Amino acid sequence: MTEVLAHGISGATDLPIPLSYALIGAAWALTFSFAVLAFAWREPRLNPDSPGVALPGPARIVIDSRLTRALLGAVGLIGAIGVIVVGFAGSQDPADNPVPGLVYIFVWVGVPVASLVVGPVWKVVSPPRTVHRLLRRITGRTPEEGLFRYPGSWGNRPAAVGLFSFVWLELAFPEPGSVLAVTVWFTGYLLVNTAGLVAFGTAWAERGDPLEVYSSLLARLSPLARGRDRTIVLRWPLNNLAGTPALLGSVAVAATLLGSTAFDSFSMFTSWRNLLIEVGGDSTLITTLLRTAGLLGFIAVVGGIFILATRATGGLTREQRASLPIRLAHSLTPIVAGYIVAHYLTFLVEKGQATLILCADPFQRGWNIAGLADLDVQYILSNHPSVLATIKVIAVLAGHILGVAAAHDRCLRLLPPRHRLTGQLALMVTMVGFTFTGLYLLFEA
């Protein structure tokens, strides 16, 4: 991948304390949090229907205004058209073309991070949804109505496939920084998901669109949510998270997001790079196959361990035990969010600035749109490694502790009283393991 697309900064030198201390502290933090939950949190407390605190009337009016949503949808559609035009007609050198940065940084990282703060951003700016709204006005169909009924057995599986296609492009494709490759993927995304909306209505966007599913998943941790009367309220994020639909494919989505991010860190290890050179040599095909196998391996390990851990309980029938991974999959969302923030923070803040500067002259004609070419990248995080390292540790720990809390509350609802504590032990150990692994990969990559 080109330098512009290299993720974050490397090394344990970012960490103001020894890595071993951070790992031990993380393990104790999670163990202590689980102990507190086990002995002080003995009844389910999280309620996705809690009333919350309503936003002031003017704020609600502006946010829910048809004009606001139409403008945001138009911005998303115009931006998507711009990406396609610049991608195909602009320079094919990623050092001069902003398209790879726009997709990798702003769409893949920026939108989910924004969703953590203000709710499901992609649902509002989604180009496929905007095109679908225009088409339904012509046909007279309701948004929910499609040509076919969305199969319930699909769940989030189409979204998982779409997410994997993106992380494969980013982490296994021979030229992930290729302007053409990124543009082709983005164009394919637009075509497939617009067709999905036409075929299945908004059910496709909510369950099958990879970017919307990703954005909406992290939006469950936003303090903003819809009340029962559909008004926007401020609410404890874990209450919002508890309302995450339990759908087939939910574990696959979470495992793809978490496993691919872990593999991205692992791919920086010298031992992995040496293996690619020794086994793959000059063969692009073999190297691509090795990277694909590594990516699939990380995703499979994350998903497999989680499934085994959630099922490691007694007092339930086989069918009830089989449903536990799906019903507990929401507890991985905070872990995904914490690790993504830690892993991509520098990428978003600093490489994002470099991408904006490239937007000043997307066709290399001497333009200076909005004066962007006069800007310089401010390395506000890289120049403060101790602060950056602290943010990374806090993000990972906060994500894992919130994940433990979400899992614990759900287990209190699902497990019989005699197994409520012991039935969570395997999951707690798994989350401690995720913490160890996440911090190790972040600071040793």
Foldseek 3Di string as FASTA:
>chain_A
DDPLQQFDDAFLVLAPDDLVVLLVVLLVLLVVLLVCCVPVVQAFDFALQPFFAFDDPVVLCCVPPPVNLLVLQVVLQVVLVVLLCLLVQADQDLLQALNLVCCVFCLVQVLQVVLLAANQSCVRHPNLLSVLVVVCVVVVDDQQDAQDADDQQCFQVLLLVLLLVLLLLVFQAPCSSGSNVSSVSSVVLSVVQSVVCNHGGCVCLCRNNNSRVSNNLSNLNYQWDAHPVGGIHGHHSLSSLLPDDLGPCLLSSLLLLLLSLLVSLVCPDPVNVVVLCVVVPPPSVVSSVVRVVSSVVSSCVSSVLLLVLLLPWDDDDPVLSNSRSSSLSSLSSLQSQLLSCLTRVQSNQFSVLSSQLSVQCSRPPPGGPPVSVVDDGDSPDVVNSNVSNVSSSCSNSVSLSSSSSSNLSSLSVRPDPVTSSVSNVSVSVVSSVSSSSSSCSRHHD
